[in-house]
Amino acid sequence: MLPRSLRSEEKAYVRFINKTDKMVELVWLNFNGEYVSREYLQERFPNKEIPENFETRIRAYITLPMYSLKYRTLMEIRNYFQNTEDVEQLELPKPLVDDLKRTIEFRNSQLEQDIQIHQ
């Protein structure tokens, strides 16, 4: 049996508040057990207090990142590679090679941004 949202006619009004310093994508399971992704949570409060009158919705604070097992694995594997060309040596299916390359490229672009900020 797949995990899924329970059917209900009641609406839930939730305000997700991103307390991290990262962009967050909201993902949940619908009534059919399918992943649904909505707009990115761009409003961030990593080190700020939320105003008391911010909104009357139920507040759900995001304080830790959650990654899929696949993405978390790619993040670990990328630590063994400096650049994307090295990934070609692995005997992996092309879709995984492409995903790993994108993960490495993203990490490298983040490092470049960090270097520019601290210069």
C-alpha atoms as a PDB file:
ATOM      1  CA  MET A   1       0.000   0.000   0.000  1.00  0.00           C
ATOM      2  CA  LEU A   2       1.380   3.398  -1.034  1.00  0.00           C
ATOM      3  CA  PRO A   3       1.442   6.302   1.389  1.00  0.00           C
ATOM      4  CA  ARG A   4      -1.077   8.968   0.411  1.00  0.00           C
ATOM      5  CA  SER A   5      -3.151  11.823   1.754  1.00  0.00           C
ATOM      6  CA  LEU A   6      -6.467  10.828   3.277  1.00  0.00           C
ATOM      7  CA  ARG A   7      -9.578  11.983   1.456  1.00  0.00           C
ATOM      8  CA  SER A   8     -11.298  14.829   3.209  1.00  0.00           C
ATOM      9  CA  GLU A   9     -13.671  17.629   2.349  1.00  0.00           C
ATOM     10  CA  GLU A  10     -12.103  19.871   5.012  1.00  0.00           C
ATOM     11  CA  LYS A  11      -9.614  22.425   3.795  1.00  0.00           C
ATOM     12  CA  ALA A  12      -6.397  22.956   5.687  1.00  0.00           C
ATOM     13  CA  TYR A  13      -4.791  26.373   5.533  1.00  0.00           C
ATOM     14  CA  VAL A  14      -1.114  26.043   6.290  1.00  0.00           C
ATOM     15  CA  ARG A  15       1.639  28.633   6.047  1.00  0.00           C
ATOM     16  CA  PHE A  16       5.010  26.965   5.528  1.00  0.00           C
ATOM     17  CA  ILE A  17       7.717  29.195   6.958  1.00  0.00           C
ATOM     18  CA  ASN A  18      11.200  28.545   5.686  1.00  0.00           C
ATOM     19  CA  LYS A  19      13.628  29.068   8.586  1.00  0.00           C
ATOM     20  CA  THR A  20      16.613  27.806   6.591  1.00  0.00           C
ATOM     21  CA  ASP A  21      18.989  29.814   4.446  1.00  0.00           C
ATOM     22  CA  LYS A  22      18.139  27.698   1.379  1.00  0.00           C
ATOM     23  CA  MET A  23      15.394  27.782  -1.247  1.00  0.00           C
ATOM     24  CA  VAL A  24      12.779  25.157  -0.393  1.00  0.00           C
ATOM     25  CA  GLU A  25      10.421  23.310  -2.710  1.00  0.00           C
ATOM     26  CA  LEU A  26       7.188  22.133  -1.136  1.00  0.00           C
ATOM     27  CA  VAL A  27       6.322  18.522  -2.058  1.00  0.00           C
ATOM     28  CA  TRP A  28       3.586  16.264  -0.711  1.00  0.00           C
ATOM     29  CA  LEU A  29       1.609  13.134  -1.574  1.00  0.00           C
ATOM     30  CA  ASN A  30      -1.866  13.602  -3.036  1.00  0.00           C
ATOM     31  CA  PHE A  31      -4.922  11.334  -2.683  1.00  0.00           C
ATOM     32  CA  ASN A  32      -3.512   8.969  -5.335  1.00  0.00           C
ATOM     33  CA  GLY A  33      -0.115   8.639  -3.664  1.00  0.00           C
ATOM     34  CA  GLU A  34       1.561  10.806  -6.330  1.00  0.00           C
ATOM     35  CA  TYR A  35       4.141  13.430  -5.490  1.00  0.00           C
ATOM     36  CA  VAL A  36       2.890  16.971  -5.977  1.00  0.00           C
ATOM     37  CA  SER A  37       5.256  19.905  -6.077  1.00  0.00           C
ATOM     38  CA  ARG A  38       4.241  23.514  -5.633  1.00  0.00           C
ATOM     39  CA  GLU A  39       5.958  26.836  -5.910  1.00  0.00           C
ATOM     40  CA  TYR A  40       9.204  27.414  -4.152  1.00  0.00           C
ATOM     41  CA  LEU A  41       9.092  28.924  -0.716  1.00  0.00           C
ATOM     42  CA  GLN A  42      10.959  32.134  -1.243  1.00  0.00           C
ATOM     43  CA  GLU A  43      10.036  33.897   1.942  1.00  0.00           C
ATOM     44  CA  ARG A  44      12.819  33.018   4.336  1.00  0.00           C
ATOM     45  CA  PHE A  45      13.265  33.790   8.011  1.00  0.00           C
ATOM     46  CA  PRO A  46      16.515  32.004   8.900  1.00  0.00           C
ATOM     47  CA  ASN A  47      17.495  34.239  11.793  1.00  0.00           C
ATOM     48  CA  LYS A  48      14.454  36.418  12.327  1.00  0.00           C
ATOM     49  CA  GLU A  49      11.472  36.293  14.576  1.00  0.00           C
ATOM     50  CA  ILE A  50       8.157  35.873  12.777  1.00  0.00           C
ATOM     51  CA  PRO A  51       5.807  38.789  13.471  1.00  0.00           C
ATOM     52  CA  GLU A  52       2.910  37.727  15.708  1.00  0.00           C
ATOM     53  CA  ASN A  53       0.331  39.018  13.213  1.00  0.00           C
ATOM     54  CA  PHE A  54       2.046  37.370  10.224  1.00  0.00           C
ATOM     55  CA  GLU A  55      -1.033  35.292   9.345  1.00  0.00           C
ATOM     56  CA  THR A  56      -3.757  33.233  10.961  1.00  0.00           C
ATOM     57  CA  ARG A  57      -3.008  30.009   9.120  1.00  0.00           C
ATOM     58  CA  ILE A  58      -1.492  26.992  10.839  1.00  0.00           C
ATOM     59  CA  ARG A  59       2.253  27.545  10.825  1.00  0.00           C
ATOM     60  CA  ALA A  60       4.620  24.775   9.783  1.00  0.00           C
ATOM     61  CA  TYR A  61       8.262  25.719  10.260  1.00  0.00           C
ATOM     62  CA  ILE A  62      10.862  24.246   7.921  1.00  0.00           C
ATOM     63  CA  THR A  63      14.150  24.043   9.794  1.00  0.00           C
ATOM     64  CA  LEU A  64      15.979  21.096   8.190  1.00  0.00           C
ATOM     65  CA  PRO A  65      16.348  20.083   4.558  1.00  0.00           C
ATOM     66  CA  MET A  66      14.786  16.801   3.446  1.00  0.00           C
ATOM     67  CA  TYR A  67      16.171  15.108   0.362  1.00  0.00           C
ATOM     68  CA  SER A  68      15.133  12.051  -1.600  1.00  0.00           C
ATOM     69  CA  LEU A  69      17.394   9.053  -1.139  1.00  0.00           C
ATOM     70  CA  LYS A  70      18.496   9.388  -4.765  1.00  0.00           C
ATOM     71  CA  TYR A  71      19.470  13.047  -4.416  1.00  0.00           C
ATOM     72  CA  ARG A  72      21.171  12.485  -1.062  1.00  0.00           C
ATOM     73  CA  THR A  73      23.200   9.657  -2.637  1.00  0.00           C
ATOM     74  CA  LEU A  74      24.166  11.879  -5.578  1.00  0.00           C
ATOM     75  CA  MET A  75      25.301  14.536  -3.096  1.00  0.00           C
ATOM     76  CA  GLU A  76      27.585  12.029  -1.390  1.00  0.00           C
ATOM     77  CA  ILE A  77      28.989  10.583  -4.621  1.00  0.00           C
ATOM     78  CA  ARG A  78      29.734  14.032  -6.044  1.00  0.00           C
ATOM     79  CA  ASN A  79      32.252  14.590  -3.231  1.00  0.00           C
ATOM     80  CA  TYR A  80      34.566  12.173  -5.010  1.00  0.00           C
ATOM     81  CA  PHE A  81      34.617  14.217  -8.217  1.00  0.00           C
ATOM     82  CA  GLN A  82      36.088  17.612  -9.025  1.00  0.00           C
ATOM     83  CA  ASN A  83      34.457  17.971 -12.435  1.00  0.00           C
ATOM     84  CA  THR A  84      31.806  16.356 -14.598  1.00  0.00           C
ATOM     85  CA  GLU A  85      34.209  14.727 -17.068  1.00  0.00           C
ATOM     86  CA  ASP A  86      35.346  12.252 -14.412  1.00  0.00           C
ATOM     87  CA  VAL A  87      31.809  10.878 -14.106  1.00  0.00           C
ATOM     88  CA  GLU A  88      32.056   9.320 -17.582  1.00  0.00           C
ATOM     89  CA  GLN A  89      34.412   6.678 -16.132  1.00  0.00           C
ATOM     90  CA  LEU A  90      31.620   5.232 -14.012  1.00  0.00           C
ATOM     91  CA  GLU A  91      29.593   2.371 -15.371  1.00  0.00           C
ATOM     92  CA  LEU A  92      26.234   3.938 -14.602  1.00  0.00           C
ATOM     93  CA  PRO A  93      23.083   4.322 -16.686  1.00  0.00           C
ATOM     94  CA  LYS A  94      23.074   7.562 -18.683  1.00  0.00           C
ATOM     95  CA  PRO A  95      20.202   9.144 -16.678  1.00  0.00           C
ATOM     96  CA  LEU A  96      22.192   8.687 -13.460  1.00  0.00           C
ATOM     97  CA  VAL A  97      25.350  10.035 -15.088  1.00  0.00           C
ATOM     98  CA  ASP A  98      23.394  13.104 -16.219  1.00  0.00           C
ATOM     99  CA  ASP A  99      21.901  13.604 -12.744  1.00  0.00           C
ATOM    100  CA  LEU A 100      25.311  13.277 -11.121  1.00  0.00           C
ATOM    101  CA  LYS A 101      26.794  15.782 -13.564  1.00  0.00           C
ATOM    102  CA  ARG A 102      24.044  18.286 -12.744  1.00  0.00           C
ATOM    103  CA  THR A 103      24.668  17.764  -9.035  1.00  0.00           C
ATOM    104  CA  ILE A 104      28.397  18.405  -9.495  1.00  0.00           C
ATOM    105  CA  GLU A 105      27.737  21.469 -11.654  1.00  0.00           C
ATOM    106  CA  PHE A 106      25.381  22.868  -9.030  1.00  0.00           C
ATOM    107  CA  ARG A 107      27.937  22.322  -6.261  1.00  0.00           C
ATOM    108  CA  ASN A 108      30.674  23.946  -8.333  1.00  0.00           C
ATOM    109  CA  SER A 109      28.482  26.958  -9.135  1.00  0.00           C
ATOM    110  CA  GLN A 110      27.678  27.363  -5.428  1.00  0.00           C
ATOM    111  CA  LEU A 111      31.393  27.247  -4.603  1.00  0.00           C
ATOM    112  CA  GLU A 112      32.109  29.911  -7.229  1.00  0.00           C
ATOM    113  CA  GLN A 113      29.419  32.162  -5.747  1.00  0.00           C
ATOM    114  CA  ASP A 114      30.830  31.667  -2.238  1.00  0.00           C
ATOM    115  CA  ILE A 115      34.324  32.571  -3.461  1.00  0.00           C
ATOM    116  CA  GLN A 116      33.035  35.742  -5.150  1.00  0.00           C
ATOM    117  CA  ILE A 117      31.174  36.796  -2.018  1.00  0.00           C
ATOM    118  CA  HIS A 118      34.224  36.377   0.199  1.00  0.00           C
ATOM    119  CA  GLN A 119      36.699  38.174  -2.073  1.00  0.00           C
END
